[in-house]
Structure formats: C-alpha cells, structure tokens
Amino acid sequence: MDGGAQYNPRTVEEVFRDFKGRRAGLIKALTTDVEEFYNQCDPEKENLCLYGYPSEQWEVNLPAEEVPPELPEPVLGINFARDGMQEKDWLSLVAVHSDSWLLAISFYFGARFGFDRADRKRLFNMINELPTIFEVVTGTAKKQLQEKSSGSNHGGNKSKSNSKVRGSESVGKHSKAMQPRDEEEELDEVDEEDEHGETLCGACGEHYGTDEFWICCDICEKWFHGKCVKITPARAEHIKQYKCPSCSNKRTRP
C-alpha cells in the first residue's frame, strides 16, 4: 500500500495535491469503476477498507497491521454492509466515510509538519472548493445546480440539455455533448460561464472547462469529461442514447 513513510507532503500545496490524488482515486472506485469495486467487497472476507492513493488509484485491502498505523486508516468493514442495504445507499455511506478519511489524512500531515493556523485555514479552504465525494456520488451538487437554474430550464429533458450544448451543430443528433465554442459564440461567453461554471464531472468531480469536451448521461443526467469516460466528439455523434459507466453497469442485485 502507499504508505506515508514513502510519501510525506510538507507544504500546503503538496498536501492539497495529495488530497486531490486520493480523492480522484476514491471517486473512480465509486463511479466509473463501481462494478469492480462492488465485486471486490465480498462480505465473506475479513474487514476491508477502501484506500485512495496520491497516484489517483484505488485499492480494496485489509487494514494496516501496525498499531498505531503510519497514517490514519479508512473505515473498517465496508464489505460487511454491502448486501445489507440498497447499493446506492451503500455507496453513499462509503463516500461519506471516504470524505472523513481524506480530511483526516490532510490534517494529519498539517499537524505533523507544524502548519500554523493560517496554513490550516488555507488548506481547508482549498479542500472546501471541491465538492465532497458524497456530493459527486449522490449527484447532490448537480441537483443543487439544477435547482438554481430551474427557472430557465423548463420543457423536458432534451430542451434542458440543449441549453447546455457547446458546438451542437457538430454533434448532430446526440445533443447532450458539450464542445468548445466557435469564435462566433464569443458574445455568449459570459452568460454560458455563469450557467456552466459550477457543472461538475460525475467521474472526477472537477468543474466544467470551456475548452473541454463533455457528454451527459441520458439515464442519470450527470455530465462527464469525455476523457474521463473515454468518449470522443466523433464517437458521440453516433451515440443515440449515452449511458455512463455507472448506469451501464447497474443490474438488479439479489
């Protein structure tokens, strides 16, 4: 496992990079890799933990054996609850505990390397600018954005989607794809920035960027960076109904 003995960020910026990397790995486990994550959490096994690493990778493994551990440990036994509740509720529960663990890791480094009050506040503010894993997994941040802009987004699913289209002419029938603007659209830049600036990727949780290709799932209506779900603008043109990895993997659980 990625132990703290091998990686000790010492500045606010380094700790924040560590936080973002671990967070990206955990979000990947709970969204794009959810089927693999689900299968690894076998209730028949011992106490298992979900680890996120600075390299943006994740791992389901047994907890550290040493006491006390080098770094704070994630919550134990996430696998035991897997079949005792609805899958979405279980994933939400793991997400909440993962958020708590990330904060514990970051403030552990802050305490260990003597961050003063100003540094701790700056670190927390940087962390707080990102949506929590729980918000990404449950779509809470997306729902808040939709409620905020509901006044201008009536008339059904497709019309709501079309209000977010970037370069829709080149996308064709699949009107839910976001693409970079042409020079002719520069006059709309300010309005579109207000509307899309808080849109979050359902995979990595990062904000929308005007120079990035995005696509929206027709099932859960979450937006994704094309690169996060491996969809190119050319491929999007031929997709009649796009399903994100999470929706594609959903099946009835016994």
C-alpha atoms as a PDB file:
ATOM      1  CA  MET A   1       0.000   0.000   0.000  1.00  0.00           C
ATOM      2  CA  ASP A   2       1.032   3.624  -0.482  1.00  0.00           C
ATOM      3  CA  GLY A   3       2.405   4.252   2.986  1.00  0.00           C
ATOM      4  CA  GLY A   4       3.132   7.664   4.453  1.00  0.00           C
ATOM      5  CA  ALA A   5       6.712   6.547   5.131  1.00  0.00           C
ATOM      6  CA  GLN A   6       7.392   6.814   1.407  1.00  0.00           C
ATOM      7  CA  TYR A   7       5.449   9.987   0.722  1.00  0.00           C
ATOM      8  CA  ASN A   8       5.329  12.925   3.130  1.00  0.00           C
ATOM      9  CA  PRO A   9       3.974  16.169   1.674  1.00  0.00           C
ATOM     10  CA  ARG A  10       5.308  19.063   3.725  1.00  0.00           C
ATOM     11  CA  THR A  11       3.704  22.210   2.258  1.00  0.00           C
ATOM     12  CA  VAL A  12       0.062  23.264   1.931  1.00  0.00           C
ATOM     13  CA  GLU A  13       0.271  22.849  -1.838  1.00  0.00           C
ATOM     14  CA  GLU A  14       1.807  19.372  -1.548  1.00  0.00           C
ATOM     15  CA  VAL A  15      -0.823  18.245   0.957  1.00  0.00           C
ATOM     16  CA  PHE A  16      -3.563  19.554  -1.324  1.00  0.00           C
ATOM     17  CA  ARG A  17      -2.105  17.657  -4.290  1.00  0.00           C
ATOM     18  CA  ASP A  18      -2.057  14.544  -2.113  1.00  0.00           C
ATOM     19  CA  PHE A  19      -5.713  15.179  -1.205  1.00  0.00           C
ATOM     20  CA  LYS A  20      -6.763  15.641  -4.852  1.00  0.00           C
ATOM     21  CA  GLY A  21      -4.976  12.493  -5.980  1.00  0.00           C
ATOM     22  CA  ARG A  22      -6.507  10.321  -3.260  1.00  0.00           C
ATOM     23  CA  ARG A  23      -9.914  11.905  -3.860  1.00  0.00           C
ATOM     24  CA  ALA A  24      -9.750  11.188  -7.607  1.00  0.00           C
ATOM     25  CA  GLY A  25      -8.937   7.533  -6.908  1.00  0.00           C
ATOM     26  CA  LEU A  26     -11.835   7.161  -4.470  1.00  0.00           C
ATOM     27  CA  ILE A  27     -14.288   8.843  -6.847  1.00  0.00           C
ATOM     28  CA  LYS A  28     -13.145   6.500  -9.609  1.00  0.00           C
ATOM     29  CA  ALA A  29     -13.858   3.481  -7.390  1.00  0.00           C
ATOM     30  CA  LEU A  30     -17.349   4.736  -6.550  1.00  0.00           C
ATOM     31  CA  THR A  31     -18.352   5.843 -10.060  1.00  0.00           C
ATOM     32  CA  THR A  32     -16.570   4.673 -13.210  1.00  0.00           C
ATOM     33  CA  ASP A  33     -15.106   1.524 -11.556  1.00  0.00           C
ATOM     34  CA  VAL A  34     -18.137   0.834  -9.364  1.00  0.00           C
ATOM     35  CA  GLU A  35     -18.759  -2.695 -10.680  1.00  0.00           C
ATOM     36  CA  GLU A  36     -15.184  -3.757  -9.963  1.00  0.00           C
ATOM     37  CA  PHE A  37     -15.307  -2.079  -6.551  1.00  0.00           C
ATOM     38  CA  TYR A  38     -18.595  -3.811  -5.705  1.00  0.00           C
ATOM     39  CA  ASN A  39     -17.219  -7.225  -6.619  1.00  0.00           C
ATOM     40  CA  GLN A  40     -14.072  -6.759  -4.536  1.00  0.00           C
ATOM     41  CA  CYS A  41     -16.089  -6.014  -1.385  1.00  0.00           C
ATOM     42  CA  ASP A  42     -17.036  -9.606  -0.690  1.00  0.00           C
ATOM     43  CA  PRO A  43     -18.902  -9.836   2.669  1.00  0.00           C
ATOM     44  CA  GLU A  44     -17.367 -13.283   3.186  1.00  0.00           C
ATOM     45  CA  LYS A  45     -13.906 -11.737   3.563  1.00  0.00           C
ATOM     46  CA  GLU A  46     -12.392 -10.056   6.623  1.00  0.00           C
ATOM     47  CA  ASN A  47     -12.627  -6.332   7.433  1.00  0.00           C
ATOM     48  CA  LEU A  48     -11.866  -4.499   4.197  1.00  0.00           C
ATOM     49  CA  CYS A  49     -11.022  -0.841   3.609  1.00  0.00           C
ATOM     50  CA  LEU A  50     -11.155   1.402   0.542  1.00  0.00           C
ATOM     51  CA  TYR A  51      -7.866   3.237   0.009  1.00  0.00           C
ATOM     52  CA  GLY A  52      -7.244   6.153  -2.341  1.00  0.00           C
ATOM     53  CA  TYR A  53      -3.671   6.987  -3.336  1.00  0.00           C
ATOM     54  CA  PRO A  54      -1.920  10.185  -4.496  1.00  0.00           C
ATOM     55  CA  SER A  55      -1.449   8.480  -7.874  1.00  0.00           C
ATOM     56  CA  GLU A  56      -5.252   8.666  -8.391  1.00  0.00           C
ATOM     57  CA  GLN A  57      -5.559   4.888  -7.968  1.00  0.00           C
ATOM     58  CA  TRP A  58      -7.731   2.986  -5.504  1.00  0.00           C
ATOM     59  CA  GLU A  59      -7.494  -0.329  -3.705  1.00  0.00           C
ATOM     60  CA  VAL A  60      -9.680  -2.529  -1.530  1.00  0.00           C
ATOM     61  CA  ASN A  61      -7.493  -4.202   1.065  1.00  0.00           C
ATOM     62  CA  LEU A  62      -7.122  -5.278   4.679  1.00  0.00           C
ATOM     63  CA  PRO A  63      -6.241  -2.522   7.155  1.00  0.00           C
ATOM     64  CA  ALA A  64      -2.662  -1.840   8.220  1.00  0.00           C
ATOM     65  CA  GLU A  65      -1.447  -4.268  10.867  1.00  0.00           C
ATOM     66  CA  GLU A  66       0.791  -1.901  12.829  1.00  0.00           C
ATOM     67  CA  VAL A  67      -0.683  -0.006  15.777  1.00  0.00           C
ATOM     68  CA  PRO A  68      -0.762   2.898  15.556  1.00  0.00           C
ATOM     69  CA  PRO A  69      -0.628   2.980  11.743  1.00  0.00           C
ATOM     70  CA  GLU A  70       1.696   5.325   9.856  1.00  0.00           C
ATOM     71  CA  LEU A  71      -1.314   7.256   8.508  1.00  0.00           C
ATOM     72  CA  PRO A  72      -4.966   7.448   9.631  1.00  0.00           C
ATOM     73  CA  GLU A  73      -6.856   4.407   8.351  1.00  0.00           C
ATOM     74  CA  PRO A  74     -10.144   4.358   6.390  1.00  0.00           C
ATOM     75  CA  VAL A  75     -13.285   2.968   7.991  1.00  0.00           C
ATOM     76  CA  LEU A  76     -13.190  -0.793   8.547  1.00  0.00           C
ATOM     77  CA  GLY A  77     -15.578  -3.428   7.234  1.00  0.00           C
ATOM     78  CA  ILE A  78     -17.232  -1.651   4.313  1.00  0.00           C
ATOM     79  CA  ASN A  79     -17.753  -5.074   2.727  1.00  0.00           C
ATOM     80  CA  PHE A  80     -19.989  -6.310   5.575  1.00  0.00           C
ATOM     81  CA  ALA A  81     -22.697  -3.748   4.778  1.00  0.00           C
ATOM     82  CA  ARG A  82     -22.647  -4.352   1.020  1.00  0.00           C
ATOM     83  CA  ASP A  83     -25.569  -6.769   0.806  1.00  0.00           C
ATOM     84  CA  GLY A  84     -27.489  -5.356   3.765  1.00  0.00           C
ATOM     85  CA  MET A  85     -28.696  -2.179   2.052  1.00  0.00           C
ATOM     86  CA  GLN A  86     -29.534  -0.700  -1.336  1.00  0.00           C
ATOM     87  CA  GLU A  87     -26.444  -0.341  -3.496  1.00  0.00           C
ATOM     88  CA  LYS A  88     -26.824   3.430  -3.843  1.00  0.00           C
ATOM     89  CA  ASP A  89     -27.157   3.794  -0.061  1.00  0.00           C
ATOM     90  CA  TRP A  90     -24.095   1.630   0.492  1.00  0.00           C
ATOM     91  CA  LEU A  91     -22.054   3.649  -1.980  1.00  0.00           C
ATOM     92  CA  SER A  92     -23.205   6.868  -0.302  1.00  0.00           C
ATOM     93  CA  LEU A  93     -22.157   5.512   3.082  1.00  0.00           C
ATOM     94  CA  VAL A  94     -18.701   4.574   1.788  1.00  0.00           C
ATOM     95  CA  ALA A  95     -18.453   8.023   0.170  1.00  0.00           C
ATOM     96  CA  VAL A  96     -19.167   9.814   3.462  1.00  0.00           C
ATOM     97  CA  HIS A  97     -16.546   7.777   5.315  1.00  0.00           C
ATOM     98  CA  SER A  98     -14.092   8.370   2.471  1.00  0.00           C
ATOM     99  CA  ASP A  99     -14.590  12.134   2.819  1.00  0.00           C
ATOM    100  CA  SER A 100     -13.848  11.880   6.534  1.00  0.00           C
ATOM    101  CA  TRP A 101     -10.722   9.838   5.877  1.00  0.00           C
ATOM    102  CA  LEU A 102      -9.389  12.341   3.330  1.00  0.00           C
ATOM    103  CA  LEU A 103      -9.738  15.183   5.825  1.00  0.00           C
ATOM    104  CA  ALA A 104      -8.030  13.092   8.496  1.00  0.00           C
ATOM    105  CA  ILE A 105      -5.090  12.389   6.174  1.00  0.00           C
ATOM    106  CA  SER A 106      -4.683  16.043   5.187  1.00  0.00           C
ATOM    107  CA  PHE A 107      -4.853  17.405   8.714  1.00  0.00           C
ATOM    108  CA  TYR A 108      -2.540  14.644   9.918  1.00  0.00           C
ATOM    109  CA  PHE A 109       0.114  15.990   7.546  1.00  0.00           C
ATOM    110  CA  GLY A 110      -0.700  19.519   8.669  1.00  0.00           C
ATOM    111  CA  ALA A 111      -0.208  18.614  12.331  1.00  0.00           C
ATOM    112  CA  ARG A 112       2.877  16.530  11.686  1.00  0.00           C
ATOM    113  CA  PHE A 113       4.673  19.276   9.813  1.00  0.00           C
ATOM    114  CA  GLY A 114       3.583  22.132  12.033  1.00  0.00           C
ATOM    115  CA  PHE A 115       1.084  24.033   9.902  1.00  0.00           C
ATOM    116  CA  ASP A 116       0.043  27.170  11.757  1.00  0.00           C
ATOM    117  CA  ARG A 117      -3.499  28.498  11.951  1.00  0.00           C
ATOM    118  CA  ALA A 118      -3.199  30.405   8.670  1.00  0.00           C
ATOM    119  CA  ASP A 119      -1.844  27.356   6.810  1.00  0.00           C
ATOM    120  CA  ARG A 120      -4.558  25.088   8.190  1.00  0.00           C
ATOM    121  CA  LYS A 121      -7.223  27.565   7.173  1.00  0.00           C
ATOM    122  CA  ARG A 122      -5.743  27.916   3.684  1.00  0.00           C
ATOM    123  CA  LEU A 123      -5.583  24.136   3.291  1.00  0.00           C
ATOM    124  CA  PHE A 124      -9.184  23.697   4.398  1.00  0.00           C
ATOM    125  CA  ASN A 125     -10.367  26.462   2.062  1.00  0.00           C
ATOM    126  CA  MET A 126      -8.592  24.796  -0.883  1.00  0.00           C
ATOM    127  CA  ILE A 127     -10.183  21.468   0.012  1.00  0.00           C
ATOM    128  CA  ASN A 128     -13.593  23.061   0.522  1.00  0.00           C
ATOM    129  CA  GLU A 129     -13.584  24.472  -3.024  1.00  0.00           C
ATOM    130  CA  LEU A 130     -14.033  20.923  -4.328  1.00  0.00           C
ATOM    131  CA  PRO A 131     -17.324  19.028  -3.953  1.00  0.00           C
ATOM    132  CA  THR A 132     -17.190  16.177  -1.487  1.00  0.00           C
ATOM    133  CA  ILE A 133     -17.049  12.585  -2.691  1.00  0.00           C
ATOM    134  CA  PHE A 134     -20.551  12.169  -1.259  1.00  0.00           C
ATOM    135  CA  GLU A 135     -21.805  15.077  -3.388  1.00  0.00           C
ATOM    136  CA  VAL A 136     -20.228  13.596  -6.511  1.00  0.00           C
ATOM    137  CA  VAL A 137     -21.504  10.064  -5.900  1.00  0.00           C
ATOM    138  CA  THR A 138     -25.064  11.094  -4.995  1.00  0.00           C
ATOM    139  CA  GLY A 139     -25.316  13.899  -7.531  1.00  0.00           C
ATOM    140  CA  THR A 140     -26.165  16.394  -4.766  1.00  0.00           C
ATOM    141  CA  ALA A 141     -24.007  19.132  -6.261  1.00  0.00           C
ATOM    142  CA  LYS A 142     -25.622  18.575  -9.657  1.00  0.00           C
ATOM    143  CA  LYS A 143     -29.122  18.754  -8.150  1.00  0.00           C
ATOM    144  CA  GLN A 144     -28.279  21.999  -6.381  1.00  0.00           C
ATOM    145  CA  LEU A 145     -27.123  23.476  -9.667  1.00  0.00           C
ATOM    146  CA  GLN A 146     -30.281  22.307 -11.431  1.00  0.00           C
ATOM    147  CA  GLU A 147     -32.499  23.854  -8.761  1.00  0.00           C
ATOM    148  CA  LYS A 148     -30.583  27.100  -9.026  1.00  0.00           C
ATOM    149  CA  SER A 149     -31.130  27.323 -12.773  1.00  0.00           C
ATOM    150  CA  SER A 150     -34.560  25.633 -12.928  1.00  0.00           C
ATOM    151  CA  GLY A 151     -36.249  28.900 -13.871  1.00  0.00           C
ATOM    152  CA  SER A 152     -34.610  28.887 -17.286  1.00  0.00           C
ATOM    153  CA  ASN A 153     -34.575  25.135 -17.889  1.00  0.00           C
ATOM    154  CA  HIS A 154     -38.195  24.016 -18.454  1.00  0.00           C
ATOM    155  CA  GLY A 155     -39.717  21.983 -21.252  1.00  0.00           C
ATOM    156  CA  GLY A 156     -38.413  18.461 -20.749  1.00  0.00           C
ATOM    157  CA  ASN A 157     -35.134  16.615 -20.758  1.00  0.00           C
ATOM    158  CA  LYS A 158     -33.949  17.433 -24.262  1.00  0.00           C
ATOM    159  CA  SER A 159     -34.647  21.168 -24.072  1.00  0.00           C
ATOM    160  CA  LYS A 160     -32.870  21.281 -20.719  1.00  0.00           C
ATOM    161  CA  SER A 161     -29.911  19.519 -22.283  1.00  0.00           C
ATOM    162  CA  ASN A 162     -29.868  21.778 -25.321  1.00  0.00           C
ATOM    163  CA  SER A 163     -29.409  24.833 -23.113  1.00  0.00           C
ATOM    164  CA  LYS A 164     -26.015  23.401 -22.169  1.00  0.00           C
ATOM    165  CA  VAL A 165     -24.822  22.409 -25.646  1.00  0.00           C
ATOM    166  CA  ARG A 166     -21.450  23.645 -26.824  1.00  0.00           C
ATOM    167  CA  GLY A 167     -20.958  23.448 -30.602  1.00  0.00           C
ATOM    168  CA  SER A 168     -24.173  21.441 -31.033  1.00  0.00           C
ATOM    169  CA  GLU A 169     -24.124  21.653 -34.850  1.00  0.00           C
ATOM    170  CA  SER A 170     -21.106  19.373 -34.982  1.00  0.00           C
ATOM    171  CA  VAL A 171     -22.600  16.927 -32.531  1.00  0.00           C
ATOM    172  CA  GLY A 172     -25.706  16.225 -34.559  1.00  0.00           C
ATOM    173  CA  LYS A 173     -28.433  14.028 -33.107  1.00  0.00           C
ATOM    174  CA  HIS A 174     -26.673  13.497 -29.797  1.00  0.00           C
ATOM    175  CA  SER A 175     -27.451  16.972 -28.487  1.00  0.00           C
ATOM    176  CA  LYS A 176     -26.170  16.370 -24.991  1.00  0.00           C
ATOM    177  CA  ALA A 177     -22.464  16.660 -25.822  1.00  0.00           C
ATOM    178  CA  MET A 178     -20.540  19.765 -24.752  1.00  0.00           C
ATOM    179  CA  GLN A 179     -17.794  21.025 -27.043  1.00  0.00           C
ATOM    180  CA  PRO A 180     -15.567  24.123 -27.186  1.00  0.00           C
ATOM    181  CA  ARG A 181     -17.196  27.264 -28.613  1.00  0.00           C
ATOM    182  CA  ASP A 182     -16.533  28.752 -32.050  1.00  0.00           C
ATOM    183  CA  GLU A 183     -15.347  32.333 -32.348  1.00  0.00           C
ATOM    184  CA  GLU A 184     -18.899  33.306 -33.351  1.00  0.00           C
ATOM    185  CA  GLU A 185     -20.097  32.319 -29.881  1.00  0.00           C
ATOM    186  CA  GLU A 186     -17.767  34.646 -28.016  1.00  0.00           C
ATOM    187  CA  LEU A 187     -20.648  37.041 -27.304  1.00  0.00           C
ATOM    188  CA  ASP A 188     -22.346  34.322 -25.273  1.00  0.00           C
ATOM    189  CA  GLU A 189     -19.249  33.581 -23.200  1.00  0.00           C
ATOM    190  CA  VAL A 190     -20.216  35.448 -20.048  1.00  0.00           C
ATOM    191  CA  ASP A 191     -23.744  34.015 -19.895  1.00  0.00           C
ATOM    192  CA  GLU A 192     -22.543  30.482 -20.558  1.00  0.00           C
ATOM    193  CA  GLU A 193     -19.803  30.736 -17.965  1.00  0.00           C
ATOM    194  CA  ASP A 194     -22.412  31.677 -15.346  1.00  0.00           C
ATOM    195  CA  GLU A 195     -24.560  28.716 -16.351  1.00  0.00           C
ATOM    196  CA  HIS A 196     -21.860  26.050 -16.653  1.00  0.00           C
ATOM    197  CA  GLY A 197     -19.166  27.260 -14.279  1.00  0.00           C
ATOM    198  CA  GLU A 198     -20.444  25.075 -11.448  1.00  0.00           C
ATOM    199  CA  THR A 199     -21.157  21.974 -13.536  1.00  0.00           C
ATOM    200  CA  LEU A 200     -19.224  19.021 -12.118  1.00  0.00           C
ATOM    201  CA  CYS A 201     -17.902  15.904 -13.818  1.00  0.00           C
ATOM    202  CA  GLY A 202     -19.650  12.793 -12.491  1.00  0.00           C
ATOM    203  CA  ALA A 203     -16.369  10.863 -12.683  1.00  0.00           C
ATOM    204  CA  CYS A 204     -13.637  13.143 -11.360  1.00  0.00           C
ATOM    205  CA  GLY A 205     -15.751  15.840  -9.677  1.00  0.00           C
ATOM    206  CA  GLU A 206     -13.866  18.672 -11.369  1.00  0.00           C
ATOM    207  CA  HIS A 207     -15.580  21.753 -12.795  1.00  0.00           C
ATOM    208  CA  TYR A 208     -16.570  22.308 -16.405  1.00  0.00           C
ATOM    209  CA  GLY A 209     -13.942  23.953 -18.619  1.00  0.00           C
ATOM    210  CA  THR A 210     -14.821  25.915 -21.750  1.00  0.00           C
ATOM    211  CA  ASP A 211     -12.106  24.197 -23.786  1.00  0.00           C
ATOM    212  CA  GLU A 212     -13.143  20.652 -22.849  1.00  0.00           C
ATOM    213  CA  PHE A 213     -15.499  18.153 -24.488  1.00  0.00           C
ATOM    214  CA  TRP A 214     -18.280  16.954 -22.177  1.00  0.00           C
ATOM    215  CA  ILE A 215     -21.108  14.459 -22.530  1.00  0.00           C
ATOM    216  CA  CYS A 216     -24.263  13.924 -20.472  1.00  0.00           C
ATOM    217  CA  CYS A 217     -25.712  10.555 -19.458  1.00  0.00           C
ATOM    218  CA  ASP A 218     -29.292  10.129 -20.721  1.00  0.00           C
ATOM    219  CA  ILE A 219     -30.148   7.985 -17.700  1.00  0.00           C
ATOM    220  CA  CYS A 220     -28.815   9.798 -14.607  1.00  0.00           C
ATOM    221  CA  GLU A 221     -28.286  13.170 -16.378  1.00  0.00           C
ATOM    222  CA  LYS A 222     -24.808  13.618 -14.946  1.00  0.00           C
ATOM    223  CA  TRP A 223     -22.165  15.364 -17.057  1.00  0.00           C
ATOM    224  CA  PHE A 224     -18.762  13.798 -17.686  1.00  0.00           C
ATOM    225  CA  HIS A 225     -15.479  14.899 -19.232  1.00  0.00           C
ATOM    226  CA  GLY A 226     -15.160  12.978 -22.482  1.00  0.00           C
ATOM    227  CA  LYS A 227     -11.663  11.890 -21.444  1.00  0.00           C
ATOM    228  CA  CYS A 228     -12.958  10.516 -18.104  1.00  0.00           C
ATOM    229  CA  VAL A 229     -15.414   8.154 -19.809  1.00  0.00           C
ATOM    230  CA  LYS A 230     -13.311   7.641 -22.972  1.00  0.00           C
ATOM    231  CA  ILE A 231     -15.798   9.252 -25.351  1.00  0.00           C
ATOM    232  CA  THR A 232     -14.534  11.446 -28.208  1.00  0.00           C
ATOM    233  CA  PRO A 233     -16.591  14.096 -30.070  1.00  0.00           C
ATOM    234  CA  ALA A 234     -16.517  11.888 -33.190  1.00  0.00           C
ATOM    235  CA  ARG A 235     -17.829   8.897 -31.281  1.00  0.00           C
ATOM    236  CA  ALA A 236     -20.531  10.995 -29.586  1.00  0.00           C
ATOM    237  CA  GLU A 237     -22.031  11.816 -32.994  1.00  0.00           C
ATOM    238  CA  HIS A 238     -23.035   8.173 -33.415  1.00  0.00           C
ATOM    239  CA  ILE A 239     -24.476   7.642 -29.938  1.00  0.00           C
ATOM    240  CA  LYS A 240     -28.287   7.793 -29.842  1.00  0.00           C
ATOM    241  CA  GLN A 241     -28.565   7.319 -26.083  1.00  0.00           C
ATOM    242  CA  TYR A 242     -25.456   7.654 -23.918  1.00  0.00           C
ATOM    243  CA  LYS A 243     -25.201   5.646 -20.688  1.00  0.00           C
ATOM    244  CA  CYS A 244     -22.355   6.446 -18.301  1.00  0.00           C
ATOM    245  CA  PRO A 245     -20.262   3.541 -16.921  1.00  0.00           C
ATOM    246  CA  SER A 246     -22.204   3.526 -13.657  1.00  0.00           C
ATOM    247  CA  CYS A 247     -25.614   3.306 -15.364  1.00  0.00           C
ATOM    248  CA  SER A 248     -24.320   0.736 -17.865  1.00  0.00           C
ATOM    249  CA  ASN A 249     -23.115  -1.494 -15.023  1.00  0.00           C
ATOM    250  CA  LYS A 250     -26.277  -1.259 -12.948  1.00  0.00           C
ATOM    251  CA  ARG A 251     -28.145  -4.524 -12.635  1.00  0.00           C
ATOM    252  CA  THR A 252     -30.630  -5.995 -10.196  1.00  0.00           C
ATOM    253  CA  ARG A 253     -28.941  -7.192  -7.030  1.00  0.00           C
ATOM    254  CA  PRO A 254     -30.315 -10.290  -5.241  1.00  0.00           C
END
